[in-house]
C-alpha atoms as a PDB file:
ATOM      1  CA  MET A   1     -30.907 -29.789  19.649  1.00  0.00           C
ATOM      2  CA  ARG A   2     -27.399 -30.696  20.763  1.00  0.00           C
ATOM      3  CA  LYS A   3     -25.515 -29.084  17.874  1.00  0.00           C
ATOM      4  CA  LEU A   4     -27.542 -25.802  18.860  1.00  0.00           C
ATOM      5  CA  LEU A   5     -26.633 -26.444  22.700  1.00  0.00           C
ATOM      6  CA  THR A   6     -23.314 -26.366  21.787  1.00  0.00           C
ATOM      7  CA  LEU A   7     -22.965 -23.639  19.355  1.00  0.00           C
ATOM      8  CA  VAL A   8     -24.290 -21.831  22.224  1.00  0.00           C
ATOM      9  CA  ALA A   9     -21.714 -22.728  24.610  1.00  0.00           C
ATOM     10  CA  LEU A  10     -19.358 -21.977  22.178  1.00  0.00           C
ATOM     11  CA  VAL A  11     -20.414 -18.614  21.522  1.00  0.00           C
ATOM     12  CA  CYS A  12     -20.368 -17.812  25.431  1.00  0.00           C
ATOM     13  CA  MET A  13     -17.064 -18.940  25.990  1.00  0.00           C
ATOM     14  CA  VAL A  14     -15.480 -17.226  23.244  1.00  0.00           C
ATOM     15  CA  VAL A  15     -17.697 -13.553  24.458  1.00  0.00           C
ATOM     16  CA  GLY A  16     -16.363 -14.213  27.906  1.00  0.00           C
ATOM     17  CA  ALA A  17     -12.866 -15.047  27.081  1.00  0.00           C
ATOM     18  CA  LYS A  18     -13.226 -11.456  25.019  1.00  0.00           C
ATOM     19  CA  ALA A  19     -14.329  -9.662  27.806  1.00  0.00           C
ATOM     20  CA  GLN A  20     -11.603 -10.685  30.239  1.00  0.00           C
ATOM     21  CA  THR A  21      -8.686 -10.185  27.081  1.00  0.00           C
ATOM     22  CA  GLU A  22      -7.392  -6.700  27.465  1.00  0.00           C
ATOM     23  CA  ILE A  23      -6.225  -5.605  23.533  1.00  0.00           C
ATOM     24  CA  VAL A  24      -3.499  -2.736  23.425  1.00  0.00           C
ATOM     25  CA  ILE A  25      -2.217  -1.201  20.375  1.00  0.00           C
ATOM     26  CA  GLY A  26       0.420   1.347  19.715  1.00  0.00           C
ATOM     27  CA  PRO A  27       3.863   2.532  17.185  1.00  0.00           C
ATOM     28  CA  LYS A  28       7.420   1.803  18.521  1.00  0.00           C
ATOM     29  CA  VAL A  29      10.738   3.195  17.661  1.00  0.00           C
ATOM     30  CA  GLY A  30      14.018   2.361  18.189  1.00  0.00           C
ATOM     31  CA  MET A  31      17.637   1.564  17.590  1.00  0.00           C
ATOM     32  CA  ASN A  32      19.467  -1.731  16.371  1.00  0.00           C
ATOM     33  CA  VAL A  33      22.914  -2.855  16.765  1.00  0.00           C
ATOM     34  CA  THR A  34      23.364  -5.458  14.062  1.00  0.00           C
ATOM     35  CA  ASN A  35      25.683  -7.884  12.658  1.00  0.00           C
ATOM     36  CA  LEU A  36      26.167 -11.165  10.680  1.00  0.00           C
ATOM     37  CA  SER A  37      27.397 -14.402  12.257  1.00  0.00           C
ATOM     38  CA  SER A  38      30.664 -16.039  11.560  1.00  0.00           C
ATOM     39  CA  LEU A  39      31.857 -13.078   9.491  1.00  0.00           C
ATOM     40  CA  ASP A  40      34.607 -11.161  10.562  1.00  0.00           C
ATOM     41  CA  LEU A  41      32.828  -7.800  10.393  1.00  0.00           C
ATOM     42  CA  LYS A  42      31.496  -5.186  12.508  1.00  0.00           C
ATOM     43  CA  GLU A  43      28.545  -4.198  14.417  1.00  0.00           C
ATOM     44  CA  LYS A  44      26.511  -1.634  12.372  1.00  0.00           C
ATOM     45  CA  VAL A  45      23.695   0.810  14.140  1.00  0.00           C
ATOM     46  CA  SER A  46      20.636   1.692  12.409  1.00  0.00           C
ATOM     47  CA  PHE A  47      16.822   1.548  13.709  1.00  0.00           C
ATOM     48  CA  HIS A  48      13.226   0.196  13.432  1.00  0.00           C
ATOM     49  CA  VAL A  49      10.220   0.987  13.699  1.00  0.00           C
ATOM     50  CA  GLY A  50       6.639  -0.454  13.643  1.00  0.00           C
ATOM     51  CA  GLY A  51       3.758  -1.079  15.642  1.00  0.00           C
ATOM     52  CA  PHE A  52       2.343  -4.006  18.184  1.00  0.00           C
ATOM     53  CA  ALA A  53      -0.863  -5.388  19.336  1.00  0.00           C
ATOM     54  CA  GLU A  54      -0.823  -6.541  22.692  1.00  0.00           C
ATOM     55  CA  PHE A  55      -3.710  -9.427  23.850  1.00  0.00           C
ATOM     56  CA  ARG A  56      -3.267  -9.892  27.552  1.00  0.00           C
ATOM     57  CA  PHE A  57      -5.181 -12.789  28.982  1.00  0.00           C
ATOM     58  CA  SER A  58      -4.418 -12.465  32.516  1.00  0.00           C
ATOM     59  CA  ASP A  59      -2.199 -10.787  34.979  1.00  0.00           C
ATOM     60  CA  TYR A  60       0.698 -13.071  33.936  1.00  0.00           C
ATOM     61  CA  PHE A  61       0.088 -13.945  30.003  1.00  0.00           C
ATOM     62  CA  ALA A  62      -0.156 -11.731  26.555  1.00  0.00           C
ATOM     63  CA  VAL A  63       0.859 -12.602  23.396  1.00  0.00           C
ATOM     64  CA  GLN A  64       2.059  -9.607  21.128  1.00  0.00           C
ATOM     65  CA  PRO A  65       2.674 -10.069  17.449  1.00  0.00           C
ATOM     66  CA  GLU A  66       4.288  -6.925  15.594  1.00  0.00           C
ATOM     67  CA  LEU A  67       5.071  -5.621  12.428  1.00  0.00           C
ATOM     68  CA  ILE A  68       8.622  -4.135  12.246  1.00  0.00           C
ATOM     69  CA  TYR A  69      10.398  -2.177   9.343  1.00  0.00           C
ATOM     70  CA  SER A  70      13.992  -3.051  10.562  1.00  0.00           C
ATOM     71  CA  ARG A  71      17.583  -2.037   8.698  1.00  0.00           C
ATOM     72  CA  GLN A  72      20.236  -4.421   9.763  1.00  0.00           C
ATOM     73  CA  GLY A  73      23.503  -5.386   8.258  1.00  0.00           C
ATOM     74  CA  ALA A  74      26.953  -5.395   8.919  1.00  0.00           C
ATOM     75  CA  ARG A  75      30.478  -2.932   8.393  1.00  0.00           C
ATOM     76  CA  ASP A  76      34.030  -3.202   7.764  1.00  0.00           C
ATOM     77  CA  LYS A  77      37.262  -1.504   7.157  1.00  0.00           C
ATOM     78  CA  ASN A  78      40.076  -2.158   5.776  1.00  0.00           C
ATOM     79  CA  ASP A  79      43.652  -0.137   4.638  1.00  0.00           C
ATOM     80  CA  GLY A  80      41.099   2.630   4.312  1.00  0.00           C
ATOM     81  CA  THR A  81      38.221   1.039   2.611  1.00  0.00           C
ATOM     82  CA  LYS A  82      34.395   1.283   4.256  1.00  0.00           C
ATOM     83  CA  MET A  83      32.549  -1.713   3.381  1.00  0.00           C
ATOM     84  CA  ILE A  84      28.847  -1.507   4.205  1.00  0.00           C
ATOM     85  CA  PHE A  85      26.144  -4.066   4.001  1.00  0.00           C
ATOM     86  CA  ARG A  86      22.550  -3.175   4.625  1.00  0.00           C
ATOM     87  CA  ALA A  87      19.357  -5.200   4.260  1.00  0.00           C
ATOM     88  CA  ASN A  88      16.053  -4.133   4.868  1.00  0.00           C
ATOM     89  CA  TYR A  89      13.453  -6.576   6.464  1.00  0.00           C
ATOM     90  CA  LEU A  90       9.638  -6.255   7.293  1.00  0.00           C
ATOM     91  CA  ASN A  91       9.937  -8.115  10.801  1.00  0.00           C
ATOM     92  CA  ILE A  92       6.966 -10.083  12.237  1.00  0.00           C
ATOM     93  CA  PRO A  93       7.736 -11.197  15.871  1.00  0.00           C
ATOM     94  CA  VAL A  94       4.857 -12.827  17.876  1.00  0.00           C
ATOM     95  CA  LEU A  95       6.203 -12.451  21.300  1.00  0.00           C
ATOM     96  CA  PHE A  96       4.695 -14.451  24.262  1.00  0.00           C
ATOM     97  CA  ARG A  97       5.284 -12.021  27.718  1.00  0.00           C
ATOM     98  CA  CYS A  98       5.330 -13.494  30.774  1.00  0.00           C
ATOM     99  CA  TYR A  99       4.475 -10.775  33.360  1.00  0.00           C
ATOM    100  CA  VAL A 100       6.851 -11.312  36.153  1.00  0.00           C
ATOM    101  CA  LEU A 101       5.719  -8.341  38.333  1.00  0.00           C
ATOM    102  CA  ASP A 102       2.655  -5.962  37.181  1.00  0.00           C
ATOM    103  CA  GLN A 103       4.459  -4.225  34.478  1.00  0.00           C
ATOM    104  CA  LEU A 104       7.676  -6.160  33.643  1.00  0.00           C
ATOM    105  CA  SER A 105       7.754  -9.203  31.092  1.00  0.00           C
ATOM    106  CA  VAL A 106       9.772 -11.380  29.743  1.00  0.00           C
ATOM    107  CA  ASP A 107       9.151 -11.928  26.361  1.00  0.00           C
ATOM    108  CA  LEU A 108      10.129 -14.879  24.018  1.00  0.00           C
ATOM    109  CA  GLY A 109       8.921 -15.936  20.377  1.00  0.00           C
ATOM    110  CA  PRO A 110       9.948 -16.726  16.548  1.00  0.00           C
ATOM    111  CA  GLU A 111      10.251 -13.739  14.343  1.00  0.00           C
ATOM    112  CA  PHE A 112       9.671 -14.129  10.592  1.00  0.00           C
ATOM    113  CA  GLY A 113      11.315 -11.853   8.570  1.00  0.00           C
ATOM    114  CA  PHE A 114      10.864 -10.503   4.432  1.00  0.00           C
ATOM    115  CA  ALA A 115      13.973  -9.137   2.916  1.00  0.00           C
ATOM    116  CA  LEU A 116      12.877  -5.986   0.859  1.00  0.00           C
ATOM    117  CA  ASN A 117      16.394  -5.265  -0.313  1.00  0.00           C
ATOM    118  CA  ALA A 118      20.080  -5.380   0.291  1.00  0.00           C
ATOM    119  CA  ARG A 119      22.904  -3.224  -1.097  1.00  0.00           C
ATOM    120  CA  TYR A 120      26.608  -3.845  -0.535  1.00  0.00           C
ATOM    121  CA  LYS A 121      28.788  -0.822  -0.410  1.00  0.00           C
ATOM    122  CA  VAL A 122      32.485  -0.169  -1.033  1.00  0.00           C
ATOM    123  CA  LYS A 123      33.544   3.301   0.581  1.00  0.00           C
ATOM    124  CA  ALA A 124      37.432   3.935  -1.123  1.00  0.00           C
ATOM    125  CA  ASN A 125      38.265   6.872  -3.618  1.00  0.00           C
ATOM    126  CA  LYS A 126      35.369   6.196  -5.610  1.00  0.00           C
ATOM    127  CA  ASN A 127      32.161   4.596  -4.215  1.00  0.00           C
ATOM    128  CA  THR A 128      30.822   1.011  -5.450  1.00  0.00           C
ATOM    129  CA  VAL A 129      27.349   0.519  -5.152  1.00  0.00           C
ATOM    130  CA  THR A 130      26.022  -3.644  -5.578  1.00  0.00           C
ATOM    131  CA  ASP A 131      22.752  -4.608  -5.318  1.00  0.00           C
ATOM    132  CA  MET A 132      22.981  -8.301  -3.197  1.00  0.00           C
ATOM    133  CA  ASP A 133      20.782 -11.388  -3.728  1.00  0.00           C
ATOM    134  CA  VAL A 134      19.700 -12.026  -0.254  1.00  0.00           C
ATOM    135  CA  ASN A 135      17.451 -14.548   1.399  1.00  0.00           C
ATOM    136  CA  THR A 136      13.632 -13.681   1.144  1.00  0.00           C
ATOM    137  CA  LEU A 137      12.511 -15.302   4.376  1.00  0.00           C
ATOM    138  CA  SER A 138      14.711 -15.122   7.260  1.00  0.00           C
ATOM    139  CA  PHE A 139      13.580 -16.636  10.909  1.00  0.00           C
ATOM    140  CA  ALA A 140      15.051 -15.863  14.477  1.00  0.00           C
ATOM    141  CA  PHE A 141      14.420 -15.943  17.768  1.00  0.00           C
ATOM    142  CA  ALA A 142      13.165 -13.198  20.070  1.00  0.00           C
ATOM    143  CA  MET A 143      14.200 -12.981  23.477  1.00  0.00           C
ATOM    144  CA  GLY A 144      13.865  -9.728  25.761  1.00  0.00           C
ATOM    145  CA  VAL A 145      12.258  -7.937  28.834  1.00  0.00           C
ATOM    146  CA  SER A 146       9.927  -4.833  28.456  1.00  0.00           C
ATOM    147  CA  TYR A 147       8.307  -2.517  31.031  1.00  0.00           C
ATOM    148  CA  ASN A 148       5.164  -0.532  30.938  1.00  0.00           C
ATOM    149  CA  TRP A 149       5.190   2.792  32.256  1.00  0.00           C
ATOM    150  CA  ASP A 150       1.707   4.614  32.004  1.00  0.00           C
ATOM    151  CA  ASN A 151       1.434   4.540  28.361  1.00  0.00           C
ATOM    152  CA  LEU A 152       5.055   4.248  27.522  1.00  0.00           C
ATOM    153  CA  MET A 153       6.504   1.010  26.829  1.00  0.00           C
ATOM    154  CA  PHE A 154      10.024   0.492  26.933  1.00  0.00           C
ATOM    155  CA  SER A 155      11.708  -2.818  25.680  1.00  0.00           C
ATOM    156  CA  ALA A 156      15.284  -4.516  25.144  1.00  0.00           C
ATOM    157  CA  ARG A 157      15.500  -7.335  22.863  1.00  0.00           C
ATOM    158  CA  TYR A 158      18.440  -9.711  21.299  1.00  0.00           C
ATOM    159  CA  ASN A 159      17.030 -11.275  17.776  1.00  0.00           C
ATOM    160  CA  LEU A 160      19.031 -14.402  17.195  1.00  0.00           C
ATOM    161  CA  GLY A 161      19.107 -15.297  13.809  1.00  0.00           C
ATOM    162  CA  LEU A 162      17.948 -19.029  12.542  1.00  0.00           C
ATOM    163  CA  SER A 163      18.575 -18.504   8.739  1.00  0.00           C
ATOM    164  CA  ASN A 164      21.288 -17.766   6.623  1.00  0.00           C
ATOM    165  CA  ALA A 165      20.752 -13.903   5.616  1.00  0.00           C
ATOM    166  CA  ILE A 166      22.633 -14.393   2.312  1.00  0.00           C
ATOM    167  CA  ASP A 167      22.795 -17.256   0.181  1.00  0.00           C
ATOM    168  CA  LYS A 168      25.858 -19.348   0.602  1.00  0.00           C
ATOM    169  CA  LYS A 169      26.605 -19.186  -2.730  1.00  0.00           C
ATOM    170  CA  GLU A 170      27.791 -15.958  -2.551  1.00  0.00           C
ATOM    171  CA  VAL A 171      29.116 -16.043   1.342  1.00  0.00           C
ATOM    172  CA  ASP A 172      31.175 -18.990   2.822  1.00  0.00           C
ATOM    173  CA  GLY A 173      30.322 -19.982   6.268  1.00  0.00           C
ATOM    174  CA  GLY A 174      27.248 -19.117   8.349  1.00  0.00           C
ATOM    175  CA  ASN A 175      25.873 -15.540   8.014  1.00  0.00           C
ATOM    176  CA  LYS A 176      22.960 -15.161  10.140  1.00  0.00           C
ATOM    177  CA  ASN A 177      21.077 -11.917  11.543  1.00  0.00           C
ATOM    178  CA  HIS A 178      22.234 -11.024  15.241  1.00  0.00           C
ATOM    179  CA  VAL A 179      20.301  -8.021  16.327  1.00  0.00           C
ATOM    180  CA  PHE A 180      20.007  -6.121  19.541  1.00  0.00           C
ATOM    181  CA  GLN A 181      17.115  -3.738  19.502  1.00  0.00           C
ATOM    182  CA  LEU A 182      16.324  -1.002  22.061  1.00  0.00           C
ATOM    183  CA  SER A 183      12.554   0.245  21.591  1.00  0.00           C
ATOM    184  CA  VAL A 184      10.063   2.580  23.083  1.00  0.00           C
ATOM    185  CA  GLY A 185       6.322   2.474  22.255  1.00  0.00           C
ATOM    186  CA  TYR A 186       3.203   4.159  23.148  1.00  0.00           C
ATOM    187  CA  ARG A 187       0.188   2.059  24.532  1.00  0.00           C
ATOM    188  CA  PHE A 188      -2.782   3.036  23.278  1.00  0.00           C
ATOM    189  CA  GLY A 189      -5.760   2.039  26.203  1.00  0.00           C
ATOM    190  CA  ASP A 190      -7.541  -1.009  26.602  1.00  0.00           C
ATOM    191  CA  LEU A 191      -9.642  -1.174  23.346  1.00  0.00           C
ATOM    192  CA  PHE A 192     -12.506  -3.170  23.944  1.00  0.00           C
END
């Protein structure tokens, strides 16, 4: 009988928590400005696209996991020769959102990345493209702000790489991804 009462109490708590949770999903797209740390390279401008789901538990707290395709890398120019490093990632940030105003939140959390492929391109008299071995997994810490305006979400975020993008055997020194993102997303209303 105690087990049955405990089970009923748990179900009531889960249903009650679900009733108070606002769930919003939507697509997002934006611009990346990326570079690799400790290498004397210039920033590369690219893009990201994906989707998000926000689970808002109260007026002040929400969790937002995302699934993002992101182009990252760096570039350089030396004596007329252009060098471009580009890597494509499938990133999964899990952001803890603290609403400081009704629609303005501070977002912090880990980001897990999976490298899909990478290329190193040299543009001179003759173009050379080389596939590169990158570390399959990457870890970063994401921090930023978001603002919800009607059904739109605007965000600015900086992803600080915690793991090397390229194996140290291929590149001397640390080479962590550093990514600044500006995004706009569309929020489909409360689903449940």
